[in-house]
């Protein structure tokens, strides 16, 4: 039987007030948080993207809450197909990469790098690509081979994309070239 929290996620909307309400419910109760992760990472659920929206807000407040679910998240990340889910998932990948509080294994880093590279070279929306670029840049601080990959991809794709993509590409290329 579905919990009332599960039903509230299903009935939520893209409006910020709705997402904030579900976020607060998840943050206030460990069982709700667990249910949110299960909901968001189950991409066979037609409404999983709503869980992803809320999960992004939860982890913006406290990225360490992902720790018990990190492996499940990393395994699920490349399997998402819905654009409405991929954007918040890519942002969470960026938050993980930027965090000094999340300790990734080498395997986990490699999986996140592969996922972000896939998003970058596939036909994804600009926001997804921008978060992937920023995550990859963070990983390049440890995995220096990524700098050349980023330079190549960003330089080749620069003229094919929107102003928003170009702005992120310029920012990261400038940091790489320092």
N, C-alpha and C. Protein backbone atom coordinates (compact mmCIF):
# COMPACT_ATOMS: atom_id res chain seq x y z
N UNK A 1 0.84 -1.19 0.00
CA UNK A 1 0.00 0.00 0.00
C UNK A 1 0.88 1.25 0.00
N UNK A 2 0.50 2.20 -0.81
CA UNK A 2 1.28 3.43 -0.93
C UNK A 2 1.07 4.34 0.27
N UNK A 3 2.15 4.93 0.75
CA UNK A 3 2.06 5.85 1.89
C UNK A 3 1.44 7.16 1.43
N UNK A 4 0.98 7.94 2.41
CA UNK A 4 0.42 9.25 2.07
C UNK A 4 1.50 10.15 1.49
N UNK A 5 2.75 9.98 1.93
CA UNK A 5 3.85 10.78 1.39
C UNK A 5 4.06 10.45 -0.09
N UNK A 6 4.03 9.18 -0.41
CA UNK A 6 4.18 8.73 -1.80
C UNK A 6 3.09 9.37 -2.67
N UNK A 7 1.88 9.35 -2.18
CA UNK A 7 0.75 9.94 -2.92
C UNK A 7 0.93 11.45 -3.05
N UNK A 8 1.47 12.10 -2.01
CA UNK A 8 1.72 13.54 -2.09
C UNK A 8 2.77 13.87 -3.16
N UNK A 9 3.78 13.02 -3.29
CA UNK A 9 4.77 13.24 -4.35
C UNK A 9 4.08 13.10 -5.71
N UNK A 10 3.30 12.05 -5.87
CA UNK A 10 2.60 11.83 -7.14
C UNK A 10 1.70 13.00 -7.51
N UNK A 11 1.07 13.59 -6.52
CA UNK A 11 0.13 14.67 -6.76
C UNK A 11 0.78 16.05 -6.79
N UNK A 12 2.09 16.11 -6.56
CA UNK A 12 2.77 17.40 -6.56
C UNK A 12 2.86 17.96 -7.97
N UNK A 13 3.20 19.24 -8.05
CA UNK A 13 3.32 19.91 -9.34
C UNK A 13 4.71 20.54 -9.46
N UNK A 14 4.97 21.11 -10.60
CA UNK A 14 6.25 21.77 -10.84
C UNK A 14 6.36 23.10 -10.11
N UNK A 15 5.26 23.62 -9.60
CA UNK A 15 5.31 24.89 -8.88
C UNK A 15 6.25 24.79 -7.68
N UNK A 16 7.03 25.81 -7.49
CA UNK A 16 8.03 25.81 -6.42
C UNK A 16 7.41 25.57 -5.06
N UNK A 17 6.25 26.14 -4.80
CA UNK A 17 5.59 25.98 -3.51
C UNK A 17 5.26 24.50 -3.25
N UNK A 18 4.83 23.81 -4.27
CA UNK A 18 4.51 22.39 -4.15
C UNK A 18 5.76 21.58 -3.87
N UNK A 19 6.82 21.85 -4.62
CA UNK A 19 8.09 21.12 -4.44
C UNK A 19 8.71 21.42 -3.07
N UNK A 20 8.63 22.67 -2.63
CA UNK A 20 9.16 23.04 -1.32
C UNK A 20 8.42 22.32 -0.20
N UNK A 21 7.11 22.19 -0.35
CA UNK A 21 6.30 21.50 0.66
C UNK A 21 6.74 20.04 0.79
N UNK A 22 6.89 19.35 -0.34
CA UNK A 22 7.33 17.95 -0.32
C UNK A 22 8.76 17.85 0.23
N UNK A 23 9.59 18.79 -0.12
CA UNK A 23 10.97 18.83 0.38
C UNK A 23 10.98 18.90 1.90
N UNK A 24 10.18 19.77 2.46
CA UNK A 24 10.12 19.91 3.92
C UNK A 24 9.60 18.63 4.58
N UNK A 25 8.64 17.97 3.95
CA UNK A 25 8.14 16.69 4.48
C UNK A 25 9.25 15.65 4.48
N UNK A 26 10.05 15.63 3.43
CA UNK A 26 11.15 14.67 3.33
C UNK A 26 12.24 14.96 4.37
N UNK A 27 12.54 16.24 4.56
CA UNK A 27 13.58 16.62 5.51
C UNK A 27 13.16 16.40 6.97
N UNK A 28 11.86 16.39 7.21
CA UNK A 28 11.37 16.29 8.58
C UNK A 28 11.19 14.86 9.07
N UNK A 29 11.37 13.88 8.16
CA UNK A 29 11.06 12.51 8.55
C UNK A 29 11.94 11.54 7.75
N UNK A 30 12.69 10.73 8.47
CA UNK A 30 13.62 9.77 7.83
C UNK A 30 12.89 8.80 6.90
N UNK A 31 11.72 8.36 7.30
CA UNK A 31 10.95 7.43 6.46
C UNK A 31 10.54 8.12 5.15
N UNK A 32 10.16 9.39 5.24
CA UNK A 32 9.80 10.14 4.03
C UNK A 32 11.01 10.32 3.13
N UNK A 33 12.17 10.58 3.72
CA UNK A 33 13.39 10.74 2.94
C UNK A 33 13.70 9.45 2.18
N UNK A 34 13.61 8.34 2.88
CA UNK A 34 13.85 7.04 2.25
C UNK A 34 12.84 6.81 1.12
N UNK A 35 11.59 7.14 1.37
CA UNK A 35 10.55 6.98 0.34
C UNK A 35 10.82 7.89 -0.86
N UNK A 36 11.32 9.10 -0.60
CA UNK A 36 11.64 10.02 -1.69
C UNK A 36 12.74 9.44 -2.58
N UNK A 37 13.80 8.93 -1.98
CA UNK A 37 14.86 8.32 -2.78
C UNK A 37 14.32 7.15 -3.61
N UNK A 38 13.51 6.30 -2.98
CA UNK A 38 12.94 5.15 -3.69
C UNK A 38 12.07 5.62 -4.85
N UNK A 39 11.27 6.64 -4.62
CA UNK A 39 10.37 7.18 -5.65
C UNK A 39 11.18 7.78 -6.80
N UNK A 40 12.13 8.63 -6.47
CA UNK A 40 12.90 9.34 -7.50
C UNK A 40 13.78 8.41 -8.33
N UNK A 41 14.36 7.42 -7.70
CA UNK A 41 15.30 6.55 -8.41
C UNK A 41 14.62 5.40 -9.13
N UNK A 42 13.32 5.29 -9.02
CA UNK A 42 12.56 4.26 -9.71
C UNK A 42 12.04 4.82 -11.03
N UNK A 43 12.87 4.77 -12.05
CA UNK A 43 12.45 5.40 -13.31
C UNK A 43 11.43 4.58 -14.10
N UNK A 44 10.95 3.49 -13.52
CA UNK A 44 9.82 2.79 -14.14
C UNK A 44 8.49 3.41 -13.69
N UNK A 45 8.55 4.22 -12.64
CA UNK A 45 7.38 4.96 -12.18
C UNK A 45 7.20 6.17 -13.10
N UNK A 46 6.04 6.30 -13.69
CA UNK A 46 5.82 7.39 -14.66
C UNK A 46 5.98 8.78 -14.05
N UNK A 47 5.88 8.90 -12.74
CA UNK A 47 6.02 10.20 -12.07
C UNK A 47 7.35 10.37 -11.35
N UNK A 48 8.33 9.51 -11.63
CA UNK A 48 9.61 9.57 -10.92
C UNK A 48 10.26 10.95 -11.02
N UNK A 49 10.02 11.65 -12.12
CA UNK A 49 10.63 12.97 -12.31
C UNK A 49 10.20 13.95 -11.22
N UNK A 50 9.00 13.78 -10.68
CA UNK A 50 8.55 14.65 -9.59
C UNK A 50 9.40 14.42 -8.34
N UNK A 51 9.74 13.17 -8.11
CA UNK A 51 10.63 12.85 -7.00
C UNK A 51 12.02 13.43 -7.22
N UNK A 52 12.48 13.43 -8.48
CA UNK A 52 13.79 14.00 -8.80
C UNK A 52 13.81 15.50 -8.54
N UNK A 53 12.71 16.17 -8.87
CA UNK A 53 12.64 17.62 -8.62
C UNK A 53 12.83 17.90 -7.13
N UNK A 54 12.13 17.13 -6.30
CA UNK A 54 12.19 17.34 -4.85
C UNK A 54 13.55 16.91 -4.29
N UNK A 55 14.06 15.80 -4.81
CA UNK A 55 15.36 15.31 -4.35
C UNK A 55 16.43 16.37 -4.56
N UNK A 56 16.38 17.06 -5.68
CA UNK A 56 17.33 18.15 -5.93
C UNK A 56 17.25 19.20 -4.82
N UNK A 57 16.05 19.59 -4.45
CA UNK A 57 15.87 20.61 -3.40
C UNK A 57 16.38 20.11 -2.05
N UNK A 58 16.11 18.84 -1.73
CA UNK A 58 16.56 18.26 -0.47
C UNK A 58 18.09 18.29 -0.41
N UNK A 59 18.73 17.87 -1.51
CA UNK A 59 20.19 17.75 -1.50
C UNK A 59 20.88 19.11 -1.64
N UNK A 60 20.19 20.09 -2.16
CA UNK A 60 20.73 21.46 -2.14
C UNK A 60 20.86 21.94 -0.70
N UNK A 61 19.95 21.51 0.14
CA UNK A 61 20.00 21.90 1.55
C UNK A 61 21.04 21.10 2.33
N UNK A 62 21.17 19.81 1.98
CA UNK A 62 22.12 18.96 2.72
C UNK A 62 22.55 17.79 1.83
N UNK A 63 23.65 17.97 1.13
CA UNK A 63 24.13 16.96 0.19
C UNK A 63 24.50 15.66 0.89
N UNK A 64 24.85 15.71 2.15
CA UNK A 64 25.26 14.48 2.85
C UNK A 64 24.11 13.50 3.04
N UNK A 65 22.88 13.96 2.87
CA UNK A 65 21.74 13.05 2.99
C UNK A 65 21.75 11.96 1.92
N UNK A 66 22.54 12.16 0.88
CA UNK A 66 22.62 11.15 -0.18
C UNK A 66 23.49 9.97 0.21
N UNK A 67 24.30 10.12 1.23
CA UNK A 67 25.31 9.12 1.57
C UNK A 67 24.77 7.68 1.64
N UNK A 68 23.68 7.41 2.36
CA UNK A 68 23.22 6.00 2.41
C UNK A 68 22.66 5.50 1.07
N UNK A 69 22.36 6.41 0.18
CA UNK A 69 21.74 6.07 -1.10
C UNK A 69 22.68 6.28 -2.29
N UNK A 70 23.93 6.59 -1.99
CA UNK A 70 24.87 6.99 -3.02
C UNK A 70 25.05 5.95 -4.12
N UNK A 71 25.26 4.69 -3.74
CA UNK A 71 25.42 3.66 -4.76
C UNK A 71 24.18 3.52 -5.62
N UNK A 72 23.01 3.52 -4.99
CA UNK A 72 21.77 3.41 -5.77
C UNK A 72 21.63 4.59 -6.72
N UNK A 73 21.98 5.78 -6.25
CA UNK A 73 21.90 6.97 -7.10
C UNK A 73 22.84 6.85 -8.30
N UNK A 74 24.08 6.45 -8.04
CA UNK A 74 25.08 6.37 -9.10
C UNK A 74 24.70 5.32 -10.14
N UNK A 75 24.13 4.21 -9.69
CA UNK A 75 23.69 3.17 -10.61
C UNK A 75 22.49 3.64 -11.43
N UNK A 76 21.58 4.37 -10.80
CA UNK A 76 20.37 4.82 -11.48
C UNK A 76 20.61 5.99 -12.44
N UNK A 77 21.56 6.86 -12.12
CA UNK A 77 21.75 8.11 -12.89
C UNK A 77 21.80 7.92 -14.40
N UNK A 78 22.59 6.98 -14.93
CA UNK A 78 22.66 6.86 -16.39
C UNK A 78 21.43 6.22 -17.03
N UNK A 79 20.51 5.70 -16.23
CA UNK A 79 19.35 5.00 -16.78
C UNK A 79 18.16 5.91 -17.05
N UNK A 80 18.21 7.15 -16.58
CA UNK A 80 17.09 8.06 -16.76
C UNK A 80 16.95 8.47 -18.23
N UNK A 81 15.72 8.54 -18.70
CA UNK A 81 15.44 8.93 -20.08
C UNK A 81 14.59 10.20 -20.16
N UNK A 82 13.84 10.49 -19.10
CA UNK A 82 12.93 11.63 -19.08
C UNK A 82 13.72 12.91 -18.80
N UNK A 83 13.62 13.88 -19.72
CA UNK A 83 14.35 15.14 -19.56
C UNK A 83 14.04 15.83 -18.23
N UNK A 84 12.79 15.71 -17.78
CA UNK A 84 12.40 16.36 -16.52
C UNK A 84 13.09 15.72 -15.32
N UNK A 85 13.57 14.49 -15.47
CA UNK A 85 14.32 13.83 -14.40
C UNK A 85 15.82 14.03 -14.58
N UNK A 86 16.29 14.00 -15.82
CA UNK A 86 17.74 14.08 -16.07
C UNK A 86 18.32 15.40 -15.59
N UNK A 87 17.61 16.51 -15.78
CA UNK A 87 18.15 17.80 -15.35
C UNK A 87 18.44 17.83 -13.85
N UNK A 88 17.49 17.48 -12.97
CA UNK A 88 17.82 17.50 -11.55
C UNK A 88 18.85 16.43 -11.16
N UNK A 89 18.84 15.31 -11.84
CA UNK A 89 19.82 14.26 -11.56
C UNK A 89 21.22 14.77 -11.93
N UNK A 90 21.33 15.47 -13.06
CA UNK A 90 22.65 16.01 -13.45
C UNK A 90 23.11 17.09 -12.46
N UNK A 91 22.16 17.85 -11.94
CA UNK A 91 22.53 18.86 -10.94
C UNK A 91 23.03 18.20 -9.66
N UNK A 92 22.39 17.11 -9.28
CA UNK A 92 22.84 16.37 -8.09
C UNK A 92 24.24 15.81 -8.32
N UNK A 93 24.50 15.33 -9.53
CA UNK A 93 25.86 14.86 -9.86
C UNK A 93 26.88 15.99 -9.67
N UNK A 94 26.50 17.19 -10.12
CA UNK A 94 27.38 18.34 -9.94
C UNK A 94 27.60 18.63 -8.45
N UNK A 95 26.53 18.58 -7.67
CA UNK A 95 26.64 18.83 -6.23
C UNK A 95 27.54 17.81 -5.56
N UNK A 96 27.44 16.56 -5.97
CA UNK A 96 28.30 15.51 -5.42
C UNK A 96 29.75 15.80 -5.77
N UNK A 97 29.99 16.15 -7.04
CA UNK A 97 31.36 16.42 -7.50
C UNK A 97 31.96 17.62 -6.76
N UNK A 98 31.15 18.61 -6.46
CA UNK A 98 31.63 19.82 -5.79
C UNK A 98 31.78 19.65 -4.29
N UNK A 99 31.13 18.65 -3.73
CA UNK A 99 31.11 18.48 -2.28
C UNK A 99 32.43 17.97 -1.73
N UNK A 100 32.84 18.57 -0.64
CA UNK A 100 34.01 18.10 0.10
C UNK A 100 33.58 17.12 1.20
N UNK A 101 32.26 16.94 1.34
CA UNK A 101 31.72 16.10 2.41
C UNK A 101 31.36 14.69 1.95
N UNK A 102 31.33 14.48 0.64
CA UNK A 102 30.99 13.17 0.09
C UNK A 102 32.27 12.48 -0.36
N UNK A 103 32.53 11.33 0.21
CA UNK A 103 33.72 10.55 -0.16
C UNK A 103 33.31 9.48 -1.16
N UNK A 104 33.78 9.64 -2.39
CA UNK A 104 33.49 8.68 -3.45
C UNK A 104 34.63 7.68 -3.59
N UNK A 105 34.27 6.45 -3.90
CA UNK A 105 35.30 5.48 -4.24
C UNK A 105 35.75 5.79 -5.67
N UNK A 106 36.86 5.20 -6.06
CA UNK A 106 37.35 5.38 -7.43
C UNK A 106 36.31 4.90 -8.44
N UNK A 107 35.68 3.77 -8.15
CA UNK A 107 34.65 3.23 -9.04
C UNK A 107 33.47 4.19 -9.15
N UNK A 108 33.03 4.74 -8.04
CA UNK A 108 31.91 5.69 -8.06
C UNK A 108 32.25 6.93 -8.88
N UNK A 109 33.47 7.43 -8.71
CA UNK A 109 33.91 8.59 -9.50
C UNK A 109 33.88 8.26 -10.98
N UNK A 110 34.41 7.09 -11.33
CA UNK A 110 34.44 6.70 -12.74
C UNK A 110 33.03 6.59 -13.31
N UNK A 111 32.11 6.03 -12.54
CA UNK A 111 30.73 5.90 -13.00
C UNK A 111 30.09 7.27 -13.22
N UNK A 112 30.31 8.19 -12.29
CA UNK A 112 29.75 9.54 -12.44
C UNK A 112 30.40 10.26 -13.62
N UNK A 113 31.69 10.10 -13.80
CA UNK A 113 32.38 10.72 -14.94
C UNK A 113 31.81 10.19 -16.25
N UNK A 114 31.63 8.88 -16.35
CA UNK A 114 31.07 8.28 -17.57
C UNK A 114 29.66 8.81 -17.84
N UNK A 115 28.86 8.88 -16.80
CA UNK A 115 27.49 9.37 -16.96
C UNK A 115 27.49 10.82 -17.45
N UNK A 116 28.30 11.66 -16.83
CA UNK A 116 28.36 13.07 -17.23
C UNK A 116 28.91 13.23 -18.64
N UNK A 117 29.92 12.45 -18.99
CA UNK A 117 30.44 12.50 -20.37
C UNK A 117 29.37 12.08 -21.37
N UNK A 118 28.61 11.06 -21.03
CA UNK A 118 27.52 10.62 -21.92
C UNK A 118 26.51 11.74 -22.12
N UNK A 119 26.12 12.41 -21.03
CA UNK A 119 25.17 13.52 -21.16
C UNK A 119 25.75 14.64 -22.01
N UNK A 120 27.02 14.86 -21.87
CA UNK A 120 27.67 15.95 -22.59
C UNK A 120 27.71 15.68 -24.09
N UNK A 121 27.93 14.45 -24.50
CA UNK A 121 28.06 14.17 -25.93
C UNK A 121 26.74 13.73 -26.58
N UNK A 122 25.76 13.41 -25.75
CA UNK A 122 24.45 13.03 -26.30
C UNK A 122 23.60 14.28 -26.52
N UNK A 123 22.45 14.05 -27.09
CA UNK A 123 21.52 15.13 -27.40
C UNK A 123 20.67 15.44 -26.16
N UNK A 124 21.29 16.08 -25.18
CA UNK A 124 20.59 16.48 -23.96
C UNK A 124 20.32 17.98 -23.99
N UNK A 125 19.43 18.40 -23.12
CA UNK A 125 19.14 19.83 -23.01
C UNK A 125 20.32 20.56 -22.38
N UNK A 126 20.34 21.88 -22.58
CA UNK A 126 21.47 22.70 -22.16
C UNK A 126 21.73 22.63 -20.66
N UNK A 127 20.70 22.67 -19.85
CA UNK A 127 20.91 22.65 -18.39
C UNK A 127 21.61 21.36 -17.97
N UNK A 128 21.20 20.25 -18.53
CA UNK A 128 21.84 18.97 -18.22
C UNK A 128 23.31 19.01 -18.60
N UNK A 129 23.59 19.51 -19.80
CA UNK A 129 24.98 19.61 -20.26
C UNK A 129 25.79 20.55 -19.37
N UNK A 130 25.19 21.66 -18.97
CA UNK A 130 25.90 22.63 -18.13
C UNK A 130 26.28 22.01 -16.78
N UNK A 131 25.36 21.29 -16.16
CA UNK A 131 25.67 20.63 -14.89
C UNK A 131 26.72 19.55 -15.09
N UNK A 132 26.64 18.82 -16.20
CA UNK A 132 27.63 17.78 -16.50
C UNK A 132 29.01 18.40 -16.69
N UNK A 133 29.08 19.51 -17.40
CA UNK A 133 30.35 20.20 -17.62
C UNK A 133 30.97 20.61 -16.29
N UNK A 134 30.17 21.19 -15.43
CA UNK A 134 30.68 21.64 -14.13
C UNK A 134 31.12 20.47 -13.26
N UNK A 135 30.36 19.38 -13.31
CA UNK A 135 30.75 18.18 -12.55
C UNK A 135 32.07 17.63 -13.08
N UNK A 136 32.18 17.55 -14.39
CA UNK A 136 33.41 17.02 -15.00
C UNK A 136 34.61 17.90 -14.67
N UNK A 137 34.40 19.21 -14.66
CA UNK A 137 35.49 20.10 -14.29
C UNK A 137 35.95 19.80 -12.86
N UNK A 138 35.01 19.60 -11.95
CA UNK A 138 35.39 19.27 -10.56
C UNK A 138 36.18 17.97 -10.51
N UNK A 139 35.72 16.97 -11.26
CA UNK A 139 36.44 15.70 -11.28
C UNK A 139 37.81 15.84 -11.93
N UNK A 140 37.97 16.82 -12.82
CA UNK A 140 39.25 17.01 -13.52
C UNK A 140 40.35 17.49 -12.58
N UNK A 141 39.97 17.98 -11.41
CA UNK A 141 40.97 18.41 -10.44
C UNK A 141 41.78 17.20 -9.96
N UNK A 142 41.16 16.04 -9.96
CA UNK A 142 41.84 14.81 -9.56
C UNK A 142 42.23 13.98 -10.79
N UNK A 143 41.36 13.95 -11.77
CA UNK A 143 41.58 13.16 -12.99
C UNK A 143 41.94 14.13 -14.11
N UNK A 144 43.20 14.48 -14.20
CA UNK A 144 43.63 15.56 -15.11
C UNK A 144 43.39 15.25 -16.58
N UNK A 145 43.27 13.98 -16.93
CA UNK A 145 42.97 13.61 -18.33
C UNK A 145 41.65 14.22 -18.79
N UNK A 146 40.78 14.50 -17.85
CA UNK A 146 39.48 15.09 -18.20
C UNK A 146 39.61 16.49 -18.80
N UNK A 147 40.66 17.21 -18.44
CA UNK A 147 40.84 18.55 -18.99
C UNK A 147 40.92 18.52 -20.51
N UNK A 148 41.68 17.59 -21.07
CA UNK A 148 41.80 17.49 -22.52
C UNK A 148 40.47 17.08 -23.16
N UNK A 149 39.79 16.15 -22.50
CA UNK A 149 38.47 15.71 -23.00
C UNK A 149 37.51 16.90 -23.03
N UNK A 150 37.47 17.65 -21.93
CA UNK A 150 36.58 18.81 -21.86
C UNK A 150 36.95 19.85 -22.92
N UNK A 151 38.23 20.14 -23.05
CA UNK A 151 38.66 21.11 -24.07
C UNK A 151 38.18 20.70 -25.45
N UNK A 152 38.39 19.44 -25.79
CA UNK A 152 38.01 18.95 -27.11
C UNK A 152 36.51 19.04 -27.33
N UNK A 153 35.74 18.50 -26.39
CA UNK A 153 34.28 18.48 -26.54
C UNK A 153 33.72 19.90 -26.55
N UNK A 154 34.14 20.73 -25.61
CA UNK A 154 33.60 22.08 -25.53
C UNK A 154 33.98 22.91 -26.75
N UNK A 155 35.18 22.75 -27.23
CA UNK A 155 35.61 23.51 -28.41
C UNK A 155 34.86 23.06 -29.67
N UNK A 156 34.67 21.76 -29.82
CA UNK A 156 33.98 21.24 -31.00
C UNK A 156 32.50 21.61 -30.99
N UNK A 157 31.88 21.55 -29.82
CA UNK A 157 30.44 21.77 -29.73
C UNK A 157 30.05 23.24 -29.52
N UNK A 158 31.02 24.09 -29.27
CA UNK A 158 30.76 25.47 -28.88
C UNK A 158 29.79 26.17 -29.83
N UNK A 159 30.01 26.10 -31.12
CA UNK A 159 29.21 26.85 -32.07
C UNK A 159 27.87 26.18 -32.40
N UNK A 160 27.66 24.99 -31.86
CA UNK A 160 26.42 24.26 -32.13
C UNK A 160 25.33 24.53 -31.10
N UNK A 161 25.69 25.24 -30.04
CA UNK A 161 24.76 25.37 -28.92
C UNK A 161 24.35 26.81 -28.64
N UNK A 162 23.47 26.93 -27.65
CA UNK A 162 22.89 28.21 -27.26
C UNK A 162 23.88 29.08 -26.50
N UNK A 163 23.45 30.29 -26.25
CA UNK A 163 24.26 31.24 -25.48
C UNK A 163 24.55 30.72 -24.08
N UNK A 164 23.58 30.04 -23.48
CA UNK A 164 23.78 29.50 -22.13
C UNK A 164 24.89 28.44 -22.12
N UNK A 165 24.89 27.57 -23.10
CA UNK A 165 25.95 26.56 -23.21
C UNK A 165 27.29 27.24 -23.42
N UNK A 166 27.30 28.22 -24.31
CA UNK A 166 28.55 28.92 -24.61
C UNK A 166 29.11 29.61 -23.38
N UNK A 167 28.25 30.16 -22.55
CA UNK A 167 28.70 30.85 -21.34
C UNK A 167 29.39 29.86 -20.39
N UNK A 168 28.79 28.71 -20.19
CA UNK A 168 29.39 27.69 -19.32
C UNK A 168 30.68 27.17 -19.94
N UNK A 169 30.66 26.94 -21.24
CA UNK A 169 31.87 26.44 -21.93
C UNK A 169 33.02 27.44 -21.78
N UNK A 170 32.73 28.73 -21.98
CA UNK A 170 33.78 29.76 -21.83
C UNK A 170 34.33 29.76 -20.40
N UNK A 171 33.44 29.72 -19.43
CA UNK A 171 33.83 29.72 -18.02
C UNK A 171 34.77 28.56 -17.70
N UNK A 172 34.40 27.37 -18.12
CA UNK A 172 35.20 26.18 -17.81
C UNK A 172 36.47 26.15 -18.62
N UNK A 173 36.42 26.53 -19.89
CA UNK A 173 37.64 26.57 -20.71
C UNK A 173 38.65 27.57 -20.12
N UNK A 174 38.14 28.69 -19.62
CA UNK A 174 39.02 29.67 -19.00
C UNK A 174 39.70 29.09 -17.76
N UNK A 175 38.95 28.34 -16.94
CA UNK A 175 39.52 27.71 -15.75
C UNK A 175 40.54 26.65 -16.13
N UNK A 176 40.25 25.88 -17.17
CA UNK A 176 41.16 24.81 -17.60
C UNK A 176 42.47 25.41 -18.13
N UNK A 177 42.35 26.51 -18.85
CA UNK A 177 43.52 27.10 -19.49
C UNK A 177 44.38 27.96 -18.58
N UNK A 178 44.00 28.11 -17.31
CA UNK A 178 44.80 28.92 -16.37
C UNK A 178 46.12 28.27 -16.10
